[in-house]
N, C-alpha and C. Protein backbone atom coordinates (compact mmCIF):
# COMPACT_ATOMS: atom_id res chain seq x y z
N MET A 1 88.46 134.89 54.59
CA MET A 1 89.05 136.21 53.80
C MET A 1 88.70 137.31 54.63
N HIS A 2 89.92 138.00 54.92
CA HIS A 2 89.64 139.39 55.67
C HIS A 2 90.79 140.29 55.00
N THR A 3 90.20 141.15 54.33
CA THR A 3 91.08 142.02 53.38
C THR A 3 92.21 142.86 54.27
N SER A 4 91.79 143.23 55.55
CA SER A 4 92.81 143.99 56.41
C SER A 4 93.92 143.29 56.49
N ARG A 5 93.98 141.94 56.36
CA ARG A 5 95.28 141.07 56.41
C ARG A 5 95.78 140.77 55.12
N LEU A 6 95.09 141.04 54.02
CA LEU A 6 95.24 140.56 52.61
C LEU A 6 96.40 141.54 52.16
N GLN A 7 97.54 140.97 51.88
CA GLN A 7 98.50 141.61 51.20
C GLN A 7 99.16 140.98 49.96
N LEU A 8 99.98 141.73 49.07
CA LEU A 8 100.27 141.04 47.98
C LEU A 8 101.42 140.35 48.52
N PRO A 9 101.40 139.04 48.24
CA PRO A 9 102.68 138.22 48.73
C PRO A 9 103.80 138.58 47.98
N GLN A 10 104.95 138.32 48.52
CA GLN A 10 106.24 139.06 48.06
C GLN A 10 106.67 138.16 46.73
N ASN A 11 106.39 136.96 46.56
CA ASN A 11 106.86 136.25 45.55
C ASN A 11 105.68 135.81 44.56
N ALA A 12 104.49 136.47 44.72
CA ALA A 12 103.43 136.12 43.95
C ALA A 12 103.37 136.21 42.35
N ILE A 13 102.83 135.48 41.61
CA ILE A 13 102.62 135.48 40.24
C ILE A 13 101.47 136.54 40.09
N THR A 14 101.67 137.59 39.41
CA THR A 14 100.66 138.59 39.32
C THR A 14 100.34 138.92 37.91
N SER A 15 99.26 139.78 37.68
CA SER A 15 98.96 140.27 36.49
C SER A 15 98.29 141.77 36.89
N SER A 16 98.53 142.75 36.05
CA SER A 16 98.05 144.02 36.38
C SER A 16 97.38 144.66 34.95
N VAL A 17 96.33 145.43 35.36
CA VAL A 17 95.69 146.28 34.31
C VAL A 17 95.58 147.62 34.92
N ASP A 18 95.74 148.50 33.82
CA ASP A 18 95.51 149.95 34.17
C ASP A 18 94.32 150.27 33.57
N TYR A 19 93.54 151.38 34.42
CA TYR A 19 92.26 151.66 34.21
C TYR A 19 92.06 153.20 34.33
N ARG A 20 91.74 154.00 33.24
CA ARG A 20 91.53 155.38 33.45
C ARG A 20 90.02 155.67 33.89
N VAL A 21 89.82 156.03 35.07
CA VAL A 21 88.34 156.26 35.46
C VAL A 21 87.62 157.20 34.61
N PRO A 22 86.59 156.65 33.99
CA PRO A 22 85.61 157.56 33.19
C PRO A 22 84.62 158.13 34.06
N PHE A 23 84.09 159.36 33.59
CA PHE A 23 83.05 160.16 34.52
C PHE A 23 81.97 159.31 34.93
N TYR A 24 81.43 158.30 34.05
CA TYR A 24 80.32 157.64 34.30
C TYR A 24 80.40 156.57 35.46
N ASP A 25 81.65 156.42 35.76
CA ASP A 25 82.03 155.56 36.91
C ASP A 25 81.84 156.20 38.43
N THR A 26 81.65 157.61 38.32
CA THR A 26 81.69 158.33 39.60
C THR A 26 80.10 158.43 40.08
N ASP A 27 80.07 158.95 41.32
CA ASP A 27 78.69 159.20 41.82
C ASP A 27 78.28 160.64 42.10
N ALA A 28 77.43 160.88 42.77
CA ALA A 28 77.02 162.55 43.06
C ALA A 28 78.04 163.13 43.93
N MET A 29 79.06 162.30 44.58
CA MET A 29 80.14 162.90 45.15
C MET A 29 81.29 163.19 44.46
N ALA A 30 81.13 162.76 43.31
CA ALA A 30 82.30 162.85 42.12
C ALA A 30 83.42 161.87 42.68
N ILE A 31 83.15 160.85 43.29
CA ILE A 31 84.08 159.73 43.66
C ILE A 31 83.59 158.49 42.85
N VAL A 32 84.44 157.63 42.64
CA VAL A 32 84.07 156.18 41.97
C VAL A 32 83.10 155.44 42.92
N HIS A 33 82.05 155.14 42.35
CA HIS A 33 81.07 154.43 43.11
C HIS A 33 81.56 153.05 43.55
N HIS A 34 81.29 152.53 44.64
CA HIS A 34 81.92 151.22 45.15
C HIS A 34 81.62 150.05 44.22
N ALA A 35 80.39 150.10 43.66
CA ALA A 35 79.96 148.96 42.89
C ALA A 35 80.82 148.83 41.77
N ASN A 36 81.60 149.82 41.31
CA ASN A 36 82.37 149.74 40.01
C ASN A 36 83.68 148.88 40.39
N TYR A 37 84.09 148.90 41.57
CA TYR A 37 85.29 148.14 41.93
C TYR A 37 85.18 146.65 41.47
N VAL A 38 83.91 146.10 41.48
CA VAL A 38 83.77 144.61 41.26
C VAL A 38 84.23 144.41 39.78
N ARG A 39 83.91 145.43 38.92
CA ARG A 39 84.18 145.39 37.42
C ARG A 39 85.73 145.51 37.45
N TYR A 40 86.32 146.29 37.98
CA TYR A 40 87.82 146.56 37.98
C TYR A 40 88.58 145.18 38.29
N LEU A 41 87.94 144.50 39.32
CA LEU A 41 88.55 143.19 39.76
C LEU A 41 88.38 142.29 38.57
N GLU A 42 87.31 142.24 37.99
CA GLU A 42 87.20 141.28 36.83
C GLU A 42 88.19 141.52 35.68
N LEU A 43 88.39 142.80 35.50
CA LEU A 43 89.28 143.12 34.25
C LEU A 43 90.65 142.60 34.70
N ALA A 44 91.22 142.69 36.00
CA ALA A 44 92.45 141.86 36.29
C ALA A 44 92.49 140.39 36.35
N ARG A 45 91.21 139.88 36.77
CA ARG A 45 91.24 138.54 36.82
C ARG A 45 91.27 137.88 35.43
N VAL A 46 90.57 138.42 34.59
CA VAL A 46 90.61 137.97 33.31
C VAL A 46 91.88 138.07 32.54
N ARG A 47 92.70 139.19 32.82
CA ARG A 47 93.99 139.34 32.47
C ARG A 47 94.88 138.30 33.04
N PHE A 48 94.83 138.00 34.33
CA PHE A 48 95.45 137.15 34.99
C PHE A 48 95.24 135.66 34.31
N LEU A 49 94.08 135.20 33.99
CA LEU A 49 93.80 133.98 33.38
C LEU A 49 94.60 134.04 31.88
N GLU A 50 94.42 135.06 31.27
CA GLU A 50 94.92 135.21 29.78
C GLU A 50 96.42 135.01 29.93
N GLN A 51 97.15 135.73 30.86
CA GLN A 51 98.48 135.81 30.83
C GLN A 51 99.32 134.42 31.28
N HIS A 52 98.56 133.77 32.34
CA HIS A 52 99.03 132.69 33.00
C HIS A 52 98.36 131.30 32.95
N ASP A 53 97.32 131.19 32.27
CA ASP A 53 96.67 130.08 32.09
C ASP A 53 96.03 130.01 30.77
N GLU A 54 94.75 130.39 30.55
CA GLU A 54 94.02 130.41 29.21
C GLU A 54 92.99 131.46 29.39
N PRO A 55 92.67 131.98 28.13
CA PRO A 55 91.52 132.99 27.97
C PRO A 55 90.19 132.23 28.57
N TYR A 56 89.29 133.10 29.33
CA TYR A 56 88.20 132.47 29.92
C TYR A 56 87.32 131.81 28.81
N ALA A 57 87.35 132.21 27.59
CA ALA A 57 86.71 131.53 26.62
C ALA A 57 86.78 130.12 26.54
N ARG A 58 88.16 129.67 26.78
CA ARG A 58 88.69 128.23 26.67
C ARG A 58 87.87 127.50 27.87
N TYR A 59 87.72 128.21 29.02
CA TYR A 59 86.94 127.54 30.10
C TYR A 59 85.58 127.15 29.46
N VAL A 60 84.97 127.90 28.94
CA VAL A 60 83.66 127.60 28.51
C VAL A 60 83.59 126.67 27.36
N GLU A 61 84.60 126.71 26.54
CA GLU A 61 84.67 125.71 25.46
C GLU A 61 84.93 124.36 26.06
N GLN A 62 85.62 124.29 27.24
CA GLN A 62 85.83 123.05 27.78
C GLN A 62 84.68 122.58 28.90
N GLY A 63 83.70 123.33 28.86
CA GLY A 63 82.50 122.87 29.76
C GLY A 63 82.26 123.45 31.02
N PHE A 64 82.97 124.61 31.32
CA PHE A 64 82.71 125.08 32.63
C PHE A 64 82.83 126.56 32.78
N HIS A 65 82.25 127.03 34.05
CA HIS A 65 82.42 128.59 34.30
C HIS A 65 83.08 128.61 35.71
N VAL A 66 83.73 129.71 35.97
CA VAL A 66 84.20 130.06 37.22
C VAL A 66 83.42 131.23 37.80
N VAL A 67 82.34 130.99 38.53
CA VAL A 67 81.50 132.08 39.01
C VAL A 67 81.83 132.59 40.35
N VAL A 68 81.55 133.89 40.57
CA VAL A 68 82.00 134.67 41.82
C VAL A 68 81.03 134.14 42.83
N THR A 69 81.38 133.73 43.97
CA THR A 69 80.44 133.41 45.08
C THR A 69 80.72 134.40 46.40
N ARG A 70 81.95 135.16 46.28
CA ARG A 70 82.15 136.14 47.41
C ARG A 70 83.02 137.34 46.83
N VAL A 71 82.79 138.47 47.23
CA VAL A 71 83.65 139.65 47.08
C VAL A 71 83.73 140.34 48.30
N GLU A 72 85.04 140.82 48.62
CA GLU A 72 85.38 141.53 49.86
C GLU A 72 86.22 142.71 49.31
N LEU A 73 85.77 143.85 49.68
CA LEU A 73 86.55 145.02 49.29
C LEU A 73 86.81 145.93 50.49
N GLU A 74 87.95 146.46 50.60
CA GLU A 74 88.26 147.39 51.60
C GLU A 74 89.03 148.54 50.99
N LEU A 75 88.16 149.70 50.95
CA LEU A 75 88.50 151.01 50.19
C LEU A 75 89.37 151.69 51.44
N LYS A 76 90.61 152.16 50.76
CA LYS A 76 91.50 152.91 51.62
C LYS A 76 91.54 154.35 51.42
N ARG A 77 91.23 154.78 49.97
CA ARG A 77 91.00 156.13 49.84
C ARG A 77 90.06 156.27 48.65
N ALA A 78 89.48 157.48 48.56
CA ALA A 78 88.59 157.75 47.37
C ALA A 78 89.40 157.93 46.01
N THR A 79 88.69 157.44 44.84
CA THR A 79 89.17 157.68 43.63
C THR A 79 88.28 158.41 42.83
N ARG A 80 88.75 159.18 41.94
CA ARG A 80 87.95 160.22 41.19
C ARG A 80 88.11 160.05 39.72
N PHE A 81 87.17 160.87 38.88
CA PHE A 81 87.20 160.97 37.59
C PHE A 81 88.68 161.16 37.17
N ASP A 82 88.97 160.48 35.96
CA ASP A 82 90.21 160.64 35.20
C ASP A 82 91.56 160.27 35.95
N GLU A 83 91.48 159.66 37.14
CA GLU A 83 92.52 159.00 37.71
C GLU A 83 92.84 157.78 37.05
N THR A 84 94.14 157.19 36.97
CA THR A 84 94.52 155.99 36.36
C THR A 84 94.75 155.05 37.60
N LEU A 85 93.97 153.80 37.61
CA LEU A 85 94.22 152.89 38.59
C LEU A 85 95.15 151.88 38.03
N SER A 86 95.85 151.13 38.84
CA SER A 86 96.40 149.94 38.49
C SER A 86 96.01 148.92 39.28
N ILE A 87 95.27 147.81 38.74
CA ILE A 87 94.84 146.78 39.50
C ILE A 87 95.54 145.45 39.27
N THR A 88 96.25 145.03 40.56
CA THR A 88 97.04 143.92 40.54
C THR A 88 96.20 142.59 40.92
N CYS A 89 96.37 141.46 40.34
CA CYS A 89 95.58 140.31 40.70
C CYS A 89 96.67 139.26 41.00
N TRP A 90 96.37 138.28 41.92
CA TRP A 90 97.11 137.17 41.99
C TRP A 90 96.07 136.06 42.52
N LEU A 91 96.59 134.90 42.26
CA LEU A 91 95.73 133.68 42.67
C LEU A 91 96.18 133.30 44.11
N GLU A 92 95.23 133.23 44.91
CA GLU A 92 95.57 132.97 46.32
C GLU A 92 95.75 131.51 46.68
N TYR A 93 94.48 130.80 46.24
CA TYR A 93 94.56 129.30 46.35
C TYR A 93 93.50 128.70 45.37
N VAL A 94 93.96 127.18 45.14
CA VAL A 94 93.12 126.51 44.28
C VAL A 94 92.71 125.21 44.92
N ARG A 95 91.45 124.90 44.82
CA ARG A 95 90.84 123.65 45.33
C ARG A 95 90.34 122.95 44.10
N TYR A 96 89.77 121.58 44.21
CA TYR A 96 89.29 120.94 43.31
C TYR A 96 88.17 121.70 42.34
N ALA A 97 87.21 122.45 43.18
CA ALA A 97 86.30 123.02 42.45
C ALA A 97 85.87 124.49 43.07
N SER A 98 87.20 125.06 43.41
CA SER A 98 86.84 126.66 43.85
C SER A 98 88.36 127.24 43.74
N LEU A 99 88.38 128.54 43.67
CA LEU A 99 89.57 129.27 43.57
C LEU A 99 89.43 130.61 44.27
N GLY A 100 90.46 131.12 44.78
CA GLY A 100 90.34 132.61 45.49
C GLY A 100 91.51 133.30 44.75
N PHE A 101 91.05 134.74 44.58
CA PHE A 101 92.01 135.50 43.98
C PHE A 101 92.16 136.76 44.98
N GLY A 102 93.35 137.42 44.97
CA GLY A 102 93.54 138.54 45.74
C GLY A 102 93.90 139.77 44.86
N TYR A 103 93.73 141.00 45.31
CA TYR A 103 93.87 142.17 44.54
C TYR A 103 94.27 143.43 45.22
N GLN A 104 95.16 144.12 44.62
CA GLN A 104 95.56 145.43 45.16
C GLN A 104 95.18 146.47 44.12
N ILE A 105 94.53 147.55 44.44
CA ILE A 105 94.41 148.56 43.52
C ILE A 105 95.13 149.83 44.08
N ARG A 106 95.76 150.47 43.08
CA ARG A 106 96.72 151.58 43.44
C ARG A 106 96.40 152.80 42.40
N ARG A 107 96.65 153.94 42.88
CA ARG A 107 96.60 155.14 42.31
C ARG A 107 97.96 155.96 42.40
N ALA A 108 98.66 155.97 41.28
CA ALA A 108 100.31 156.57 41.46
C ALA A 108 100.73 155.81 42.40
N ASP A 109 101.20 156.47 43.65
CA ASP A 109 101.96 155.75 44.69
C ASP A 109 101.03 155.46 45.81
N ALA A 110 99.59 155.58 45.86
CA ALA A 110 98.85 155.47 46.87
C ALA A 110 97.97 154.27 46.85
N LEU A 111 98.00 153.34 47.85
CA LEU A 111 97.08 152.28 47.89
C LEU A 111 95.52 152.74 47.96
N THR A 112 94.73 152.33 46.97
CA THR A 112 93.28 152.67 46.93
C THR A 112 92.51 151.72 47.62
N ALA A 113 92.82 150.33 47.34
CA ALA A 113 91.81 149.26 47.94
C ALA A 113 92.52 147.89 47.88
N LEU A 114 92.10 147.06 48.79
CA LEU A 114 92.42 145.80 48.85
C LEU A 114 91.31 144.94 48.57
N ALA A 115 91.40 143.79 47.98
CA ALA A 115 90.04 143.04 47.75
C ALA A 115 90.30 141.53 47.51
N GLY A 116 89.21 140.76 47.68
CA GLY A 116 89.33 139.42 47.55
C GLY A 116 88.27 138.71 46.89
N THR A 117 88.25 137.99 46.10
CA THR A 117 87.08 137.16 45.36
C THR A 117 87.35 135.73 45.57
N ARG A 118 86.14 134.98 45.72
CA ARG A 118 86.10 133.55 45.93
C ARG A 118 85.16 132.99 44.70
N HIS A 119 85.50 132.14 44.15
CA HIS A 119 84.91 131.46 42.89
C HIS A 119 84.60 129.99 43.13
N ALA A 120 83.36 129.47 42.52
CA ALA A 120 83.12 128.20 42.45
C ALA A 120 83.34 127.69 40.94
N VAL A 121 83.63 126.43 40.79
CA VAL A 121 83.78 125.97 39.39
C VAL A 121 82.40 125.34 39.24
N VAL A 122 81.85 125.57 38.14
CA VAL A 122 80.38 124.89 37.75
C VAL A 122 80.36 124.44 36.24
N ASN A 123 79.41 123.44 36.03
CA ASN A 123 79.60 123.23 34.55
C ASN A 123 78.56 124.12 33.83
N LEU A 124 78.29 123.87 32.70
CA LEU A 124 77.38 124.76 31.90
C LEU A 124 75.87 124.84 32.35
N GLN A 125 75.57 123.88 33.10
CA GLN A 125 74.23 123.67 33.71
C GLN A 125 74.19 124.44 35.10
N GLY A 126 75.32 124.89 35.57
CA GLY A 126 75.50 125.76 36.74
C GLY A 126 75.66 124.79 37.99
N ARG A 127 75.92 123.56 37.72
CA ARG A 127 76.29 122.71 38.97
C ARG A 127 77.67 122.57 39.25
N PRO A 128 78.01 122.41 40.62
CA PRO A 128 79.53 122.42 40.93
C PRO A 128 79.98 121.27 40.09
N ALA A 129 81.28 121.55 39.71
CA ALA A 129 82.07 120.66 38.88
C ALA A 129 83.72 120.72 39.44
N ARG A 130 84.28 119.71 39.38
CA ARG A 130 85.56 119.48 39.54
C ARG A 130 86.40 120.11 38.31
N MET A 131 87.44 120.90 38.56
CA MET A 131 88.26 121.21 37.40
C MET A 131 89.11 120.08 36.77
N PRO A 132 89.38 120.04 35.50
CA PRO A 132 90.15 118.96 34.91
C PRO A 132 91.58 119.02 35.65
N GLU A 133 92.04 117.85 35.94
CA GLU A 133 93.25 117.86 36.89
C GLU A 133 94.55 118.49 36.29
N PRO A 134 94.70 118.43 34.97
CA PRO A 134 95.94 119.24 34.47
C PRO A 134 95.78 120.73 34.66
N ARG A 135 94.45 121.25 34.67
CA ARG A 135 94.29 122.66 34.75
C ARG A 135 94.52 122.95 36.28
N ARG A 136 93.86 122.22 37.19
CA ARG A 136 93.99 122.27 38.69
C ARG A 136 95.45 122.40 38.99
N LEU A 137 96.21 121.45 38.50
CA LEU A 137 97.73 121.42 38.86
C LEU A 137 98.49 122.69 38.26
N ARG A 138 98.08 123.01 37.03
CA ARG A 138 98.74 124.37 36.51
C ARG A 138 98.31 125.43 37.33
N LEU A 139 97.21 125.60 37.79
CA LEU A 139 96.67 126.58 38.61
C LEU A 139 97.39 126.77 40.07
N LEU A 140 97.55 125.45 40.57
CA LEU A 140 98.23 125.26 41.82
C LEU A 140 99.65 125.87 41.76
N GLY A 141 100.25 125.50 40.51
CA GLY A 141 101.60 126.18 40.43
C GLY A 141 101.64 127.81 40.52
N LEU A 142 100.48 128.28 40.28
CA LEU A 142 100.41 129.94 40.16
C LEU A 142 100.06 130.31 41.49
N ALA A 143 99.54 129.55 42.50
CA ALA A 143 98.79 129.97 43.46
C ALA A 143 99.94 130.46 44.63
N SER A 144 99.45 131.59 45.43
CA SER A 144 100.57 132.01 46.30
C SER A 144 100.44 131.51 47.71
N GLY A 145 99.45 130.77 47.87
CA GLY A 145 99.28 130.27 49.49
C GLY A 145 98.02 129.34 49.50
N SER A 146 97.33 129.33 50.65
CA SER A 146 96.14 128.79 50.91
C SER A 146 95.12 129.56 51.68
N PRO A 147 93.97 129.13 51.65
CA PRO A 147 92.86 130.05 52.24
C PRO A 147 93.05 130.27 53.84
């Protein structure tokens, strides 16, 4: 994954969430601290699963988690207090025990950041696990490409 090449695929199935930046997300320079972007990505990813698959709580009920194994973030411009961000998420790929998501973060008409996350599917004991085949096939239908 290399975010400088990461672009929102033209026909991707997406979900977006808007987020108004609170003061506590900013640092001493009055801009959003980079660590907060990881939370923003999660907001969009959870929305994507709710809208296109199932709420994450159903994953847990079925005996597995989808844990973050990698985050890549390419900041394009600073974001400040009280600006509203639109975080768009899409599913890039699906394997038997892993997933990849892409993200685009915008402020008004300006691109703020590109990002990608990689995830491993694990059981409730934290060991790698294959997704149930019906879920994997459903997610494959939502994926925009391959890694």
